[in-house]
N, C-alpha and C. Protein backbone atom coordinates (compact mmCIF):
# COMPACT_ATOMS: atom_id res chain seq x y z
N UNK A 1 106.95 113.27 94.53
CA UNK A 1 108.36 113.02 94.20
C UNK A 1 109.30 112.99 95.23
N UNK A 2 110.56 111.90 95.86
CA UNK A 2 111.21 111.58 96.95
C UNK A 2 111.83 112.10 96.83
N UNK A 3 112.34 112.84 98.13
CA UNK A 3 113.95 113.45 98.42
C UNK A 3 114.26 111.10 99.88
N UNK A 4 115.27 111.16 99.76
CA UNK A 4 115.96 110.80 100.26
C UNK A 4 117.40 111.21 100.87
N UNK A 5 117.31 110.73 102.60
CA UNK A 5 118.50 111.64 103.19
C UNK A 5 119.30 111.34 104.07
N UNK A 6 120.51 111.06 103.47
CA UNK A 6 121.43 109.53 104.74
C UNK A 6 122.07 109.70 105.46
N UNK A 7 121.65 109.79 106.72
CA UNK A 7 122.31 110.52 107.63
C UNK A 7 123.12 109.10 108.82
N UNK A 8 124.32 110.07 108.83
CA UNK A 8 125.35 108.69 109.56
C UNK A 8 124.51 108.86 110.85
N UNK A 9 125.11 107.44 111.12
CA UNK A 9 124.51 107.11 113.11
C UNK A 9 125.69 106.62 113.86
N UNK A 10 127.23 107.53 113.34
CA UNK A 10 128.24 107.04 113.80
C UNK A 10 128.35 105.67 113.59
N UNK A 11 129.82 105.16 113.59
CA UNK A 11 130.71 103.94 113.02
C UNK A 11 129.46 103.19 112.03
N UNK A 12 129.47 102.32 111.57
CA UNK A 12 128.86 101.82 110.58
C UNK A 12 126.83 102.04 110.18
N UNK A 13 126.06 102.62 110.87
CA UNK A 13 125.46 103.21 110.62
C UNK A 13 125.11 104.22 109.66
N UNK A 14 123.73 103.99 109.01
CA UNK A 14 123.29 105.09 108.69
C UNK A 14 121.94 105.10 108.94
N UNK A 15 121.18 105.89 108.82
CA UNK A 15 119.24 106.45 108.76
C UNK A 15 118.99 106.63 106.99
N UNK A 16 118.42 106.53 106.36
CA UNK A 16 117.03 107.08 105.40
C UNK A 16 116.51 107.58 105.71
N UNK A 17 116.53 109.29 105.69
CA UNK A 17 114.83 110.29 105.98
C UNK A 17 114.21 110.32 104.74
N UNK A 18 113.50 109.82 104.49
CA UNK A 18 112.65 109.79 103.78
C UNK A 18 111.22 110.48 103.65
N UNK A 19 110.93 111.75 102.56
CA UNK A 19 110.15 112.45 102.63
C UNK A 19 109.41 112.83 101.22
N UNK A 20 107.90 112.93 101.14
CA UNK A 20 106.94 112.66 99.97
C UNK A 20 106.56 111.83 100.11
N UNK A 21 106.41 111.22 98.43
CA UNK A 21 105.91 110.28 98.15
C UNK A 21 106.69 109.15 97.21
N UNK A 22 106.38 107.90 97.98
CA UNK A 22 107.13 106.40 97.65
C UNK A 22 106.68 105.72 96.43
N UNK A 23 106.51 106.30 95.22
CA UNK A 23 105.81 105.72 94.14
C UNK A 23 105.98 105.97 92.96
N UNK A 24 105.97 105.13 92.23
CA UNK A 24 106.63 105.54 90.66
C UNK A 24 108.59 104.93 90.57
N UNK A 25 108.81 105.64 90.15
CA UNK A 25 109.83 105.64 89.67
C UNK A 25 111.25 106.19 91.16
N UNK A 26 110.32 106.47 92.08
CA UNK A 26 110.85 106.59 93.27
C UNK A 26 110.69 105.50 94.46
N UNK A 27 110.49 104.42 93.91
CA UNK A 27 109.97 102.95 94.70
C UNK A 27 111.86 102.27 93.97
N UNK A 28 112.75 102.77 93.04
CA UNK A 28 113.29 102.19 92.15
C UNK A 28 114.43 102.99 93.27
N UNK A 29 114.41 103.93 93.08
CA UNK A 29 115.67 104.96 94.02
C UNK A 29 115.86 104.48 95.59
N UNK A 30 114.62 104.42 95.83
CA UNK A 30 115.25 103.96 97.31
C UNK A 30 116.01 102.88 97.36
N UNK A 31 114.96 101.66 96.36
CA UNK A 31 115.65 99.96 95.89
C UNK A 31 117.83 100.45 96.22
N UNK A 32 118.20 100.67 95.02
CA UNK A 32 119.47 101.82 94.82
C UNK A 32 120.04 102.36 95.77
N UNK A 33 118.73 103.36 96.62
CA UNK A 33 119.95 103.97 98.10
C UNK A 33 120.31 103.19 98.79
N UNK A 34 119.07 102.45 99.30
CA UNK A 34 119.33 101.01 99.87
C UNK A 34 120.82 99.86 99.70
N UNK A 35 120.78 99.89 98.66
CA UNK A 35 121.74 98.90 97.90
C UNK A 35 123.28 99.55 98.64
N UNK A 36 122.85 100.80 97.97
CA UNK A 36 124.50 101.30 98.22
C UNK A 36 124.82 101.32 98.97
N UNK A 37 124.29 101.37 100.72
CA UNK A 37 124.43 101.50 101.84
C UNK A 37 125.14 100.31 101.85
N UNK A 38 124.47 99.01 102.07
CA UNK A 38 124.75 97.77 102.35
C UNK A 38 125.75 97.61 101.44
N UNK A 39 126.49 97.89 100.30
CA UNK A 39 127.44 97.82 99.75
C UNK A 39 128.95 98.16 100.39
N UNK A 40 128.43 99.35 100.94
CA UNK A 40 128.98 99.66 101.82
C UNK A 40 129.90 99.38 103.54
N UNK A 41 128.32 98.23 103.46
CA UNK A 41 128.56 97.54 104.64
C UNK A 41 127.98 98.52 105.66
N UNK A 42 127.35 99.24 105.25
CA UNK A 42 126.82 100.14 106.56
C UNK A 42 125.10 99.23 107.16
N UNK A 43 124.61 98.83 108.51
CA UNK A 43 123.28 99.34 109.50
C UNK A 43 122.22 100.80 108.63
N UNK A 44 121.32 99.58 108.26
CA UNK A 44 120.65 100.84 107.50
C UNK A 44 119.27 100.41 107.83
N UNK A 45 118.92 101.61 108.53
CA UNK A 45 117.22 101.87 108.81
C UNK A 45 116.29 102.98 108.05
N UNK A 46 115.18 103.03 107.88
CA UNK A 46 114.53 104.04 107.09
C UNK A 46 113.65 104.57 108.23
N UNK A 47 113.23 106.20 108.00
CA UNK A 47 112.57 106.75 108.76
C UNK A 47 111.81 107.32 107.57
N UNK A 48 110.14 107.18 108.23
CA UNK A 48 109.52 107.05 107.51
C UNK A 48 108.57 108.53 107.93
N UNK A 49 108.74 109.26 108.44
CA UNK A 49 108.66 110.55 109.44
C UNK A 49 107.57 111.50 107.94
N UNK A 50 108.45 111.94 107.85
CA UNK A 50 108.06 112.44 105.93
C UNK A 50 107.36 111.97 104.69
N UNK A 51 107.47 110.21 105.17
CA UNK A 51 106.74 110.06 104.29
C UNK A 51 105.01 110.08 103.97
N UNK A 52 104.29 110.67 102.75
CA UNK A 52 102.68 111.43 102.69
C UNK A 52 102.40 110.64 102.01
N UNK A 53 102.48 108.93 101.39
CA UNK A 53 102.03 108.35 100.40
C UNK A 53 102.87 107.59 99.79
N UNK A 54 102.51 106.11 99.99
CA UNK A 54 103.21 104.78 99.66
C UNK A 54 102.19 104.15 98.70
N UNK A 55 102.72 103.55 97.25
CA UNK A 55 102.05 102.97 96.17
C UNK A 55 101.40 101.46 96.33
N UNK A 56 101.08 100.92 95.62
CA UNK A 56 101.52 99.38 96.37
C UNK A 56 103.07 99.04 96.18
N UNK A 57 104.34 99.26 94.82
CA UNK A 57 104.65 98.50 94.55
C UNK A 57 105.84 99.74 95.65
N UNK A 58 106.00 100.67 96.57
CA UNK A 58 106.78 101.04 97.78
C UNK A 58 106.40 100.02 98.54
N UNK A 59 104.73 99.97 98.98
CA UNK A 59 104.76 99.35 100.27
C UNK A 59 105.76 97.41 99.41
N UNK A 60 105.56 96.82 99.17
CA UNK A 60 106.07 95.47 98.81
C UNK A 60 107.90 96.15 98.73
N UNK A 61 108.06 97.23 98.96
CA UNK A 61 109.73 97.11 98.60
C UNK A 61 109.87 97.61 100.55
N UNK A 62 109.21 98.21 100.74
CA UNK A 62 109.53 98.37 102.27
C UNK A 62 109.18 97.08 103.55
N UNK A 63 108.15 95.89 102.93
CA UNK A 63 108.15 94.97 103.50
C UNK A 63 109.78 94.32 103.56
N UNK A 64 109.44 94.31 102.19
CA UNK A 64 111.07 93.36 101.20
C UNK A 64 112.35 94.28 102.34
N UNK A 65 112.52 95.44 102.08
CA UNK A 65 113.26 95.38 102.64
C UNK A 65 113.44 95.30 105.00
N UNK A 66 112.08 95.68 105.59
CA UNK A 66 111.68 95.05 106.90
C UNK A 66 112.03 93.97 107.00
N UNK A 67 111.91 93.23 106.29
CA UNK A 67 112.16 91.51 105.84
C UNK A 67 113.89 91.57 105.85
N UNK A 68 114.57 91.51 105.24
CA UNK A 68 115.82 91.87 105.36
C UNK A 68 116.80 92.98 106.55
N UNK A 69 116.09 92.73 107.39
CA UNK A 69 116.76 93.61 108.45
C UNK A 69 117.07 94.94 108.45
N UNK A 70 116.15 95.91 107.54
CA UNK A 70 116.17 97.03 107.93
C UNK A 70 114.52 97.83 108.65
N UNK A 71 115.06 98.23 109.73
CA UNK A 71 113.85 98.55 110.64
C UNK A 71 113.42 100.06 110.30
N UNK A 72 111.90 99.80 110.35
CA UNK A 72 111.04 101.06 109.01
C UNK A 72 110.77 101.38 110.53
N UNK A 73 111.11 103.38 110.90
CA UNK A 73 110.50 103.35 111.89
C UNK A 73 110.29 104.99 111.82
N UNK A 74 109.12 105.44 112.91
CA UNK A 74 108.66 106.57 112.77
C UNK A 74 107.33 106.98 111.41
N UNK A 75 106.59 105.72 111.40
CA UNK A 75 105.90 105.72 110.08
C UNK A 75 104.35 106.54 110.60
N UNK A 76 103.92 106.91 109.75
CA UNK A 76 102.31 107.19 110.28
C UNK A 76 101.40 106.46 110.15
N UNK A 77 100.59 106.60 110.92
CA UNK A 77 99.19 105.97 111.46
C UNK A 77 99.02 105.03 110.12
N UNK A 78 99.07 106.57 108.92
CA UNK A 78 98.36 105.71 107.62
C UNK A 78 99.59 104.83 106.31
N UNK A 79 100.88 105.13 106.75
CA UNK A 79 101.15 103.90 106.86
C UNK A 79 101.55 103.06 106.98
N UNK A 80 101.68 103.07 108.71
CA UNK A 80 101.79 101.86 109.30
C UNK A 80 100.42 100.70 108.66
N UNK A 81 99.43 101.47 108.60
CA UNK A 81 97.67 100.58 108.15
C UNK A 81 98.33 99.42 107.34
N UNK A 82 99.13 100.85 106.04
CA UNK A 82 99.73 99.57 104.34
C UNK A 82 100.71 98.94 104.32
N UNK A 83 101.07 99.32 105.73
CA UNK A 83 102.11 97.39 105.81
C UNK A 83 101.62 96.69 106.50
N UNK A 84 100.35 96.31 107.22
CA UNK A 84 99.92 95.22 107.69
C UNK A 84 99.65 94.37 106.97
N UNK A 85 100.38 93.12 107.13
CA UNK A 85 99.74 91.74 106.45
C UNK A 85 98.21 92.06 105.71
N UNK A 86 98.69 91.58 105.01
CA UNK A 86 97.05 91.77 103.66
C UNK A 86 96.00 90.26 104.76
N UNK A 87 94.74 90.99 104.76
CA UNK A 87 94.00 89.07 105.07
C UNK A 87 93.82 88.28 104.76
N UNK A 88 93.05 87.15 103.99
CA UNK A 88 93.16 86.35 102.83
C UNK A 88 91.72 85.86 103.12
């Protein structure tokens, strides 16, 4: 399960606080939450403090969001390691 809480940063900014596991259907829920905030012309950042696990699809989404100017903040060492680019 994944809890997504939107916290306004004043003005046009919002931080999405993530808590739980970013897996399966929750990956699409996060994608939709980010898209909704963008439609409202909000600057979006993601606070990963409460994220305990991320599957491959979740990692791919987080990388994609970071590449589209959505900063990822306060992630655990475990999640940070997963987000590192894969060496081939």
